Protein backbone atom coordinates (compact mmCIF):
# COMPACT_ATOMS: atom_id res chain seq x y z
CA MET A 1 0.11 0.13 0.31
CA PRO A 2 1.21 3.69 -0.80
CA PRO A 3 2.63 5.61 2.42
CA ASP A 4 0.44 7.30 4.74
CA LEU A 5 1.59 11.38 3.20
CA SER A 6 -1.78 12.47 4.63
CA GLY A 7 -0.41 13.62 8.56
CA GLY A 8 -1.88 11.27 10.61
CA SER A 9 -5.23 10.54 8.62
CA THR A 10 -7.19 7.74 9.86
CA VAL A 11 -9.24 6.40 6.99
CA ALA A 12 -9.42 2.85 6.06
CA PRO A 13 -6.77 2.26 3.41
CA HIS A 14 -7.43 1.63 -0.15
CA ARG A 15 -6.39 -1.91 -1.32
CA ALA A 16 -3.37 -1.46 -3.51
CA ALA A 17 -3.87 -2.05 -7.52
CA ALA A 18 -1.12 -3.29 -9.51
CA PRO A 19 1.79 -2.14 -9.49
CA THR A 20 1.46 -1.30 -6.10
CA PRO A 21 2.99 2.41 -5.24
CA VAL A 22 6.44 2.17 -4.18
CA ASP A 23 6.37 1.32 -0.42
CA ARG A 24 9.05 4.71 0.86
CA PRO A 25 8.40 7.71 2.34
CA LEU A 26 8.56 11.26 0.73
CA ALA A 27 8.78 13.71 2.78
CA LEU A 28 7.80 17.18 2.42
CA PRO A 29 9.71 20.72 2.85
CA ALA A 30 8.67 21.72 6.77
CA ARG A 31 7.77 24.62 4.74
CA LEU A 32 4.69 22.65 3.46
CA GLY A 33 3.56 21.08 6.89
CA HIS A 34 0.11 22.88 6.83
CA VAL A 35 -0.64 21.27 3.34
CA LEU A 36 -3.94 19.27 4.44
CA CYS A 37 -5.92 19.41 1.06
CA LEU A 38 -5.50 20.38 -2.49
CA ASP A 39 -6.17 24.33 -2.46
CA ASP A 40 -3.20 24.74 0.54
CA PHE A 41 -0.95 23.51 -2.33
CA GLU A 42 -2.22 26.86 -4.89
CA ALA A 43 -1.27 28.77 -1.85
CA ALA A 44 2.24 27.78 -1.23
CA ALA A 45 2.54 28.35 -5.32
CA ARG A 46 1.46 31.28 -5.51
CA ARG A 47 3.98 32.48 -2.98
CA HIS A 48 6.53 30.12 -4.52
CA LEU A 49 5.87 30.95 -8.37
CA PRO A 50 6.65 34.74 -9.97
CA ALA A 51 3.30 36.01 -10.81
CA PRO A 52 3.59 35.79 -14.79
CA VAL A 53 4.50 31.59 -14.45
CA PHE A 54 1.51 31.36 -11.24
CA ALA A 55 -1.09 33.60 -13.69
CA TYR A 56 -0.67 31.17 -16.71
CA VAL A 57 -1.12 28.13 -14.47
CA SER A 58 -4.19 29.38 -12.88
CA GLY A 59 -5.67 31.93 -15.00
CA GLY A 60 -8.54 31.52 -17.43
CA VAL A 61 -9.67 33.82 -20.04
CA GLU A 62 -11.51 37.34 -20.67
CA ARG A 63 -13.76 37.41 -17.36
CA ASN A 64 -12.89 33.85 -16.03
CA GLN A 65 -16.77 33.20 -15.94
CA SER A 66 -16.06 29.65 -17.16
CA LEU A 67 -13.45 29.18 -14.76
CA ARG A 68 -15.57 29.91 -11.69
CA ALA A 69 -18.44 28.20 -13.26
CA ASN A 70 -16.80 24.95 -13.08
CA GLU A 71 -16.12 25.18 -9.60
CA ARG A 72 -19.27 26.61 -8.63
CA ALA A 73 -21.11 23.48 -10.46
CA PHE A 74 -20.45 20.95 -8.18
CA ASP A 75 -22.20 23.17 -5.37
CA ASP A 76 -25.71 21.94 -7.38
CA TYR A 77 -25.68 18.79 -6.66
CA GLU A 78 -25.94 17.15 -2.97
CA PHE A 79 -25.41 14.00 -1.46
CA VAL A 80 -28.13 11.18 -0.08
CA THR A 81 -25.62 8.95 2.45
CA ARG A 82 -26.46 5.32 3.12
CA VAL A 83 -25.69 3.94 6.68
CA LEU A 84 -25.11 0.60 8.49
CA ILE A 85 -23.25 -0.30 5.41
CA ASP A 86 -19.77 -2.19 6.05
CA THR A 87 -17.63 -0.31 4.23
CA SER A 88 -14.55 -1.30 6.52
CA LYS A 89 -13.03 -3.50 3.14
CA ARG A 90 -13.81 -0.82 0.29
CA SER A 91 -11.16 0.11 -2.53
CA THR A 92 -10.71 2.92 -4.69
CA GLU A 93 -9.19 0.75 -7.37
CA THR A 94 -10.49 1.23 -10.75
CA THR A 95 -10.41 0.06 -14.08
CA LEU A 96 -10.13 2.02 -16.95
CA LEU A 97 -9.40 1.15 -20.56
CA GLY A 98 -8.38 -2.38 -19.57
CA ARG A 99 -5.61 -1.53 -17.12
CA THR A 100 -6.54 -1.09 -13.41
CA TRP A 101 -5.56 1.80 -11.22
CA SER A 102 -5.46 2.77 -7.75
CA ALA A 103 -8.24 5.46 -7.24
CA PRO A 104 -10.69 7.06 -10.19
CA PHE A 105 -8.76 10.31 -10.70
CA GLY A 106 -5.65 10.85 -13.17
CA ILE A 107 -2.95 13.58 -14.41
CA ALA A 108 -4.91 15.72 -16.81
CA PRO A 109 -2.38 17.40 -19.71
CA MET A 110 -0.52 20.70 -18.71
CA GLY A 111 0.92 22.93 -20.88
CA ILE A 112 4.92 24.27 -20.30
CA SER A 113 4.61 22.01 -16.88
CA ALA A 114 8.47 22.32 -16.67
CA LEU A 115 8.38 26.17 -16.57
CA SER A 116 6.52 25.90 -12.84
CA ALA A 117 8.78 22.94 -11.88
CA TYR A 118 11.64 21.74 -12.52
CA ARG A 119 11.37 18.87 -14.68
CA GLY A 120 7.63 19.06 -14.37
CA ASP A 121 6.51 16.45 -17.15
CA LEU A 122 9.24 13.98 -15.54
CA VAL A 123 8.36 14.74 -12.18
CA LEU A 124 4.52 14.79 -12.91
CA THR A 125 4.77 11.14 -14.43
CA GLN A 126 7.34 9.38 -12.23
CA ALA A 127 4.57 10.11 -9.49
CA ALA A 128 2.00 8.68 -11.25
CA ALA A 129 3.94 5.47 -12.45
CA ARG A 130 4.70 4.78 -8.58
CA GLU A 131 1.30 5.87 -7.64
CA ASN A 132 -0.20 3.51 -10.25
CA LEU A 133 -2.30 6.57 -11.81
CA PRO A 134 -2.68 7.61 -15.78
CA MET A 135 -1.14 10.52 -16.35
CA ILE A 136 -1.42 12.36 -19.82
CA MET A 137 1.42 14.53 -21.06
CA SER A 138 0.66 17.60 -22.91
CA GLY A 139 1.59 18.12 -26.59
CA SER A 140 2.67 21.53 -25.37
CA SER A 141 5.60 20.35 -23.14
CA LEU A 142 9.18 21.58 -22.97
CA ILE A 143 10.52 17.66 -22.26
CA ARG A 144 10.53 15.68 -25.24
CA MET A 145 7.86 13.15 -25.49
CA GLU A 146 10.57 10.12 -25.75
CA GLU A 147 11.92 10.72 -22.05
CA ILE A 148 8.32 10.76 -20.28
CA ALA A 149 7.64 7.64 -22.17
CA LYS A 150 10.67 6.14 -21.13
CA ALA A 151 10.27 6.71 -17.64
CA ASN A 152 6.34 6.10 -17.23
CA PRO A 153 5.27 3.25 -20.17
CA GLN A 154 1.56 3.65 -18.92
CA ALA A 155 1.96 7.49 -19.72
CA TRP A 156 -0.59 8.89 -22.16
CA PHE A 157 -0.03 11.30 -25.07
CA GLN A 158 -2.05 14.31 -26.11
CA ALA A 159 -1.92 15.81 -29.11
CA TYR A 160 -2.75 19.25 -30.81
CA LEU A 161 -3.29 18.62 -34.40
CA PRO A 162 -1.34 20.73 -36.30
CA GLY A 163 -2.38 22.92 -39.04
CA ALA A 164 -1.13 20.36 -41.96
CA GLU A 165 -2.45 17.17 -42.98
CA ALA A 166 1.38 15.79 -43.17
CA GLU A 167 2.24 17.16 -39.92
CA ILE A 168 -0.52 15.45 -38.21
CA VAL A 169 0.78 12.24 -39.59
CA ALA A 170 4.15 12.77 -38.43
CA LEU A 171 3.43 13.90 -34.91
CA VAL A 172 1.28 10.52 -34.33
CA GLU A 173 3.91 8.50 -36.31
CA ARG A 174 6.36 10.10 -33.55
CA VAL A 175 3.87 9.37 -31.07
CA LYS A 176 3.98 5.59 -31.84
CA ALA A 177 7.36 5.24 -32.15
CA ALA A 178 7.81 6.71 -28.51
CA GLY A 179 5.85 3.63 -27.38
CA TYR A 180 2.82 5.32 -26.27
CA GLY A 181 -0.47 2.91 -26.01
CA THR A 182 -3.22 5.89 -25.62
CA LEU A 183 -3.24 8.59 -28.06
CA VAL A 184 -5.54 11.85 -26.40
CA VAL A 185 -6.92 14.46 -29.14
CA THR A 186 -7.94 17.47 -27.83
CA LEU A 187 -10.58 19.21 -30.57
CA ASP A 188 -11.18 21.98 -28.37
CA ALA A 189 -8.08 24.66 -29.47
CA SER A 190 -8.11 25.32 -32.95
CA ILE A 191 -7.12 28.80 -32.29
CA ALA A 192 -5.51 30.48 -29.52
CA SER A 193 -7.98 32.18 -26.77
CA ASN A 194 -7.83 35.50 -25.37
CA ARG A 195 -5.75 34.93 -22.07
CA GLU A 196 -5.54 38.59 -20.87
CA ASN A 197 -4.74 37.54 -17.57
CA ASN A 198 -1.24 36.22 -18.88
CA ILE A 199 -0.47 39.57 -21.14
CA ARG A 200 -1.45 41.80 -17.32
CA ALA A 201 1.01 39.41 -15.42
CA GLY A 202 3.65 39.79 -18.04
CA PHE A 203 3.39 36.25 -19.18
CA SER A 204 3.96 35.53 -23.17
CA THR A 205 4.64 32.06 -25.14
CA PRO A 206 7.67 32.30 -25.51
CA LEU A 207 8.49 34.39 -22.50
CA ARG A 208 10.40 37.82 -23.70
CA PRO A 209 13.08 38.92 -21.71
CA SER A 210 11.88 42.29 -19.93
CA VAL A 211 12.91 44.02 -16.74
CA ARG A 212 9.80 43.13 -15.00
CA LEU A 213 10.28 39.27 -15.56
CA ALA A 214 13.92 39.79 -14.53
CA TRP A 215 12.68 41.46 -11.27
CA GLU A 216 9.93 38.40 -11.09
CA GLY A 217 12.83 36.19 -10.81
CA LEU A 218 14.97 37.87 -8.72
CA THR A 219 12.10 38.12 -5.89
CA HIS A 220 11.37 34.03 -6.39
CA PRO A 221 14.94 32.82 -5.43
CA ARG A 222 14.21 29.54 -4.88
CA TRP A 223 12.40 29.13 -8.33
CA LEU A 224 14.72 31.38 -10.28
CA PHE A 225 18.06 28.98 -9.13
CA GLY A 226 15.44 25.70 -8.09
CA THR A 227 14.17 25.64 -11.33
CA PHE A 228 14.63 28.16 -13.95
CA LEU A 229 18.46 28.22 -13.74
CA LYS A 230 19.11 25.03 -13.21
CA THR A 231 17.40 24.10 -16.17
CA ILE A 232 19.12 25.96 -17.85
CA ALA A 233 22.05 25.10 -16.39
CA ARG A 234 21.51 21.05 -16.91
CA HIS A 235 19.48 20.83 -19.65
CA GLY A 236 19.86 24.02 -21.95
CA MET A 237 17.41 26.42 -22.90
CA PRO A 238 13.76 24.84 -22.76
CA HIS A 239 12.13 24.60 -26.42
CA PHE A 240 8.29 23.47 -27.28
CA GLU A 241 9.30 20.08 -27.64
CA ASN A 242 6.22 18.05 -28.92
CA ASN A 243 3.71 19.80 -30.71
CA TYR A 244 5.21 18.89 -33.88
CA ALA A 245 7.57 15.98 -35.16
CA ARG A 246 10.25 18.60 -34.99
CA ARG A 247 11.42 20.87 -32.67
CA GLY A 248 9.77 23.70 -32.02
CA ALA A 249 10.54 27.67 -30.52
CA PRO A 250 12.02 28.11 -27.36
CA ILE A 251 10.53 29.20 -24.23
CA LEU A 252 12.76 32.29 -23.91
CA SER A 253 13.20 34.40 -26.76
CA ALA A 254 13.08 38.07 -28.37
CA SER A 255 11.49 37.56 -31.35
CA VAL A 256 10.11 34.06 -32.09
CA LEU A 257 6.77 33.36 -31.98
CA ARG A 258 5.14 30.36 -31.08
CA ASP A 259 3.02 28.90 -33.66
CA PHE A 260 -0.76 28.98 -32.92
CA SER A 261 -1.74 28.83 -36.46
CA ASP A 262 -5.35 28.55 -36.75
CA ARG A 263 -6.71 25.13 -37.05
CA GLY A 264 -10.43 25.54 -37.82
CA HIS A 265 -10.05 23.82 -40.86
CA LEU A 266 -9.50 20.81 -39.54
CA GLY A 267 -12.67 18.20 -39.36
CA TRP A 268 -13.72 14.65 -38.61
CA GLN A 269 -12.08 13.38 -41.75
CA HIS A 270 -8.70 13.83 -39.83
CA ILE A 271 -9.76 12.00 -36.95
CA ARG A 272 -11.03 9.05 -39.29
CA MET A 273 -7.36 8.87 -40.53
CA ILE A 274 -5.79 9.31 -37.34
CA ARG A 275 -7.70 6.17 -36.36
CA LYS A 276 -6.49 4.22 -39.49
CA MET A 277 -2.71 4.95 -38.15
CA TRP A 278 -3.43 4.41 -34.47
CA PRO A 279 -3.07 1.05 -33.19
CA GLY A 280 -3.61 1.99 -29.51
CA GLN A 281 -6.61 3.59 -27.96
CA MET A 282 -7.39 6.77 -28.97
CA VAL A 283 -9.12 9.19 -26.47
CA VAL A 284 -10.97 12.26 -27.42
CA LYS A 285 -10.92 15.64 -24.98
CA GLY A 286 -12.44 18.91 -25.54
CA ILE A 287 -16.13 17.26 -25.68
CA LEU A 288 -19.11 19.31 -24.22
CA ASP A 289 -21.70 18.59 -26.90
CA VAL A 290 -23.71 14.88 -27.22
CA ARG A 291 -23.40 15.34 -31.05
CA ASP A 292 -19.75 15.63 -31.21
CA ALA A 293 -19.72 12.76 -28.81
CA ARG A 294 -21.55 10.53 -30.53
CA LEU A 295 -19.46 11.74 -33.69
CA SER A 296 -16.08 10.95 -31.81
CA ILE A 297 -17.37 7.24 -30.69
CA GLU A 298 -18.72 6.78 -35.12
CA ASN A 299 -15.02 7.90 -36.14
CA GLY A 300 -13.23 5.53 -33.54
CA ALA A 301 -13.08 7.24 -30.22
CA ASP A 302 -12.10 4.57 -27.66
CA GLY A 303 -12.90 6.46 -24.85
CA ILE A 304 -14.06 10.71 -24.65
CA ILE A 305 -12.98 13.50 -21.97
CA VAL A 306 -16.00 15.99 -21.33
CA SER A 307 -13.70 19.22 -20.90
CA ASN A 308 -13.73 22.73 -21.24
CA HIS A 309 -10.17 22.95 -21.26
CA GLY A 310 -10.17 24.31 -17.37
CA GLY A 311 -12.02 27.22 -18.54
CA ARG A 312 -8.82 28.40 -20.73
CA GLN A 313 -10.47 28.38 -23.93
CA LEU A 314 -13.73 30.42 -24.78
CA ASP A 315 -15.01 32.28 -21.76
CA GLY A 316 -18.92 31.67 -20.72
CA THR A 317 -18.53 27.57 -22.20
CA VAL A 318 -20.78 25.22 -20.31
CA SER A 319 -19.23 23.60 -17.00
CA PRO A 320 -18.47 20.06 -17.72
CA MET A 321 -20.57 18.64 -15.15
CA ARG A 322 -23.61 20.28 -16.41
CA VAL A 323 -23.43 18.41 -19.60
CA LEU A 324 -22.19 15.07 -18.23
CA PRO A 325 -25.29 13.19 -17.68
CA ARG A 326 -26.60 13.56 -20.99
CA ILE A 327 -23.48 12.56 -22.82
CA VAL A 328 -23.12 9.86 -20.50
CA GLN A 329 -26.33 8.42 -21.39
CA ALA A 330 -25.76 8.97 -25.47
CA CYS A 331 -22.32 6.96 -25.35
CA PRO A 332 -23.12 3.75 -23.28
CA GLU A 333 -20.36 2.19 -25.54
CA VAL A 334 -17.02 3.75 -24.41
CA PRO A 335 -15.65 5.03 -21.01
CA VAL A 336 -17.24 9.20 -20.45
CA MET A 337 -14.13 11.04 -18.53
CA ILE A 338 -14.19 14.92 -17.34
CA ASP A 339 -11.59 16.61 -16.31
CA SER A 340 -11.80 21.07 -15.09
CA GLY A 341 -12.14 22.48 -11.89
CA PHE A 342 -11.80 19.35 -9.41
CA ARG A 343 -10.66 19.93 -6.21
CA ARG A 344 -11.88 17.69 -3.48
CA GLY A 345 -12.79 14.00 -3.11
CA THR A 346 -16.55 15.02 -3.34
CA ASP A 347 -16.10 16.35 -6.47
CA VAL A 348 -14.54 13.40 -7.56
CA LEU A 349 -17.50 10.98 -6.23
CA LYS A 350 -20.46 13.68 -7.94
CA ALA A 351 -18.68 13.09 -11.53
CA LEU A 352 -18.74 9.33 -10.56
CA ALA A 353 -22.41 9.53 -9.41
CA LEU A 354 -23.37 11.34 -12.75
CA GLY A 355 -21.88 8.32 -14.73
CA ALA A 356 -18.28 9.42 -15.77
CA ARG A 357 -15.47 6.54 -15.09
CA PHE A 358 -12.87 8.74 -14.36
CA VAL A 359 -11.70 12.04 -13.47
CA PHE A 360 -8.94 14.25 -14.47
CA VAL A 361 -7.26 16.91 -12.18
CA GLY A 362 -4.73 19.25 -13.29
CA ARG A 363 -3.68 22.50 -12.24
CA PRO A 364 -2.94 21.34 -8.52
CA PHE A 365 -0.62 18.36 -9.47
CA ASN A 366 1.25 21.34 -11.33
CA TYR A 367 1.03 23.32 -7.87
CA ALA A 368 2.53 20.64 -5.86
CA ALA A 369 5.05 19.90 -8.44
CA SER A 370 6.16 23.58 -8.15
CA VAL A 371 6.86 23.37 -4.75
CA ALA A 372 8.07 19.94 -3.66
CA GLY A 373 8.79 17.85 -6.91
CA GLU A 374 7.77 14.65 -7.05
CA ALA A 375 7.40 14.11 -3.34
CA GLY A 376 4.67 16.99 -3.44
CA VAL A 377 2.86 15.68 -6.27
CA ARG A 378 2.41 12.14 -4.14
CA LYS A 379 1.27 14.08 -1.25
CA ALA A 380 -1.59 15.77 -3.38
CA ILE A 381 -2.48 12.13 -5.27
CA SER A 382 -2.06 10.92 -1.55
CA LEU A 383 -4.48 13.17 0.04
CA LEU A 384 -7.07 13.12 -2.82
CA ARG A 385 -7.51 9.34 -3.15
CA GLU A 386 -7.79 8.99 0.70
CA GLU A 387 -10.31 11.81 0.27
CA VAL A 388 -12.00 9.71 -2.03
CA SER A 389 -11.41 6.83 0.13
CA ARG A 390 -13.17 8.63 3.23
CA ASP A 391 -16.09 10.46 1.39
CA MET A 392 -17.05 6.69 -0.30
CA ALA A 393 -17.04 5.53 3.56
CA MET A 394 -18.96 8.15 4.55
CA LEU A 395 -21.87 8.10 1.25
CA GLY A 396 -22.15 4.08 1.98
CA VAL A 397 -20.42 2.30 -0.83
CA THR A 398 -17.31 -0.42 -0.99
CA THR A 399 -16.43 0.02 -4.40
CA VAL A 400 -16.47 3.03 -6.93
CA ALA A 401 -18.80 0.69 -9.10
CA ASP A 402 -21.48 1.42 -6.48
CA ILE A 403 -21.49 5.01 -7.24
CA ARG A 404 -24.81 5.66 -8.68
CA ASP A 405 -26.78 8.71 -9.28
CA ASP A 406 -29.21 7.85 -6.34
CA PHE A 407 -26.44 9.07 -4.43
CA LEU A 408 -27.11 12.82 -5.50
CA MET A 409 -29.74 15.04 -5.37
CA PRO A 410 -29.96 18.56 -7.13
CA ARG A 411 -29.87 21.04 -4.97
CA HIS A 412 -32.90 23.32 -4.05
CA ALA A 413 -34.95 20.43 -5.62
CA GLY A 414 -37.88 18.45 -3.37
CA ALA A 415 -37.42 15.15 -1.58
CA GLY A 416 -37.35 12.26 -3.91
CA ALA A 417 -36.89 14.74 -6.86
CA PRO A 418 -34.97 12.93 -9.92
CA VAL A 419 -31.31 13.95 -10.55
């Protein structure tokens, strides 16, 4: 079973999945002794990271309406608990796409993670491997996909489709050659979003040298020396490594612009093309409409991730939790997964009750990596997994498969009202 990193949790342990998480303690720095939940990692990261970098990770777009809606959506449902059920042998193990994981959640793809945490993608994937959770590597990353696959052969790869068909083919062939078994094709980023908060905070991609950026680095020395300068000293200037089959732009540049070409001409024929050439599992991410969910399946998807990109694309987009039930109902033949806004075990259980087979969590694991590396990520995983286990006991269930919609009631609904 995994080490108890929660600081004295009294919940019953979950049964370990295979492979068993590594049985070695990972101590956090003393300054993080106050961490009790995922939100605490965000507060620590706000202090640790330069303002532009924190703004990139934490922000949404325009008025942050979708970002806030994702958080509020969980308040729309309340639990109806059962009692006098023996939950002493409960398990958080979850089977997804042919593999059993230690919990019903994994690590969502997050771009430029190696800017907020030293070797961020590698830290995230190593923690996921040791805790037996799926980790999706972002295409907008600064570490080569081949290095991540070597460190964690069970990692998934998220692809943003390039604008030209030949480049799509080359990228998919590279992912295949790297050894990934699951390809996650993200469809909700056909054009660059309007992230005004990034501009106001002084963040751009690539980063442009400036007096403000230099000052932010000097006033955050732990990040400056422990992440940025350490990366340059040991690995050279980071580049965008995985948006294409070729190497992309450097992260720090005075003139080179990251390629945010308009991909609005792409269509379902490109998904069919990828399906024909991709031998593994293909998951489609960024789905909010039932019609797109059905088209995904008809064009070969083995799974769907309902997502509004963490509130980072079109502001005012519906929360994935609101459309989840209808997509689940329309797509019984594939696992429907979800991300965007998950922070607590109760959030995870509500999504499972609405029919999600799995939940992906992003920003909190990024924050944990930034302040404490692999130990921080494993601590965050442990905290969330123990919350899920504890909440299952109080809900009155022993397995993830037991969580159904009759454990939920819409907020303000009358007694007996259906979800």
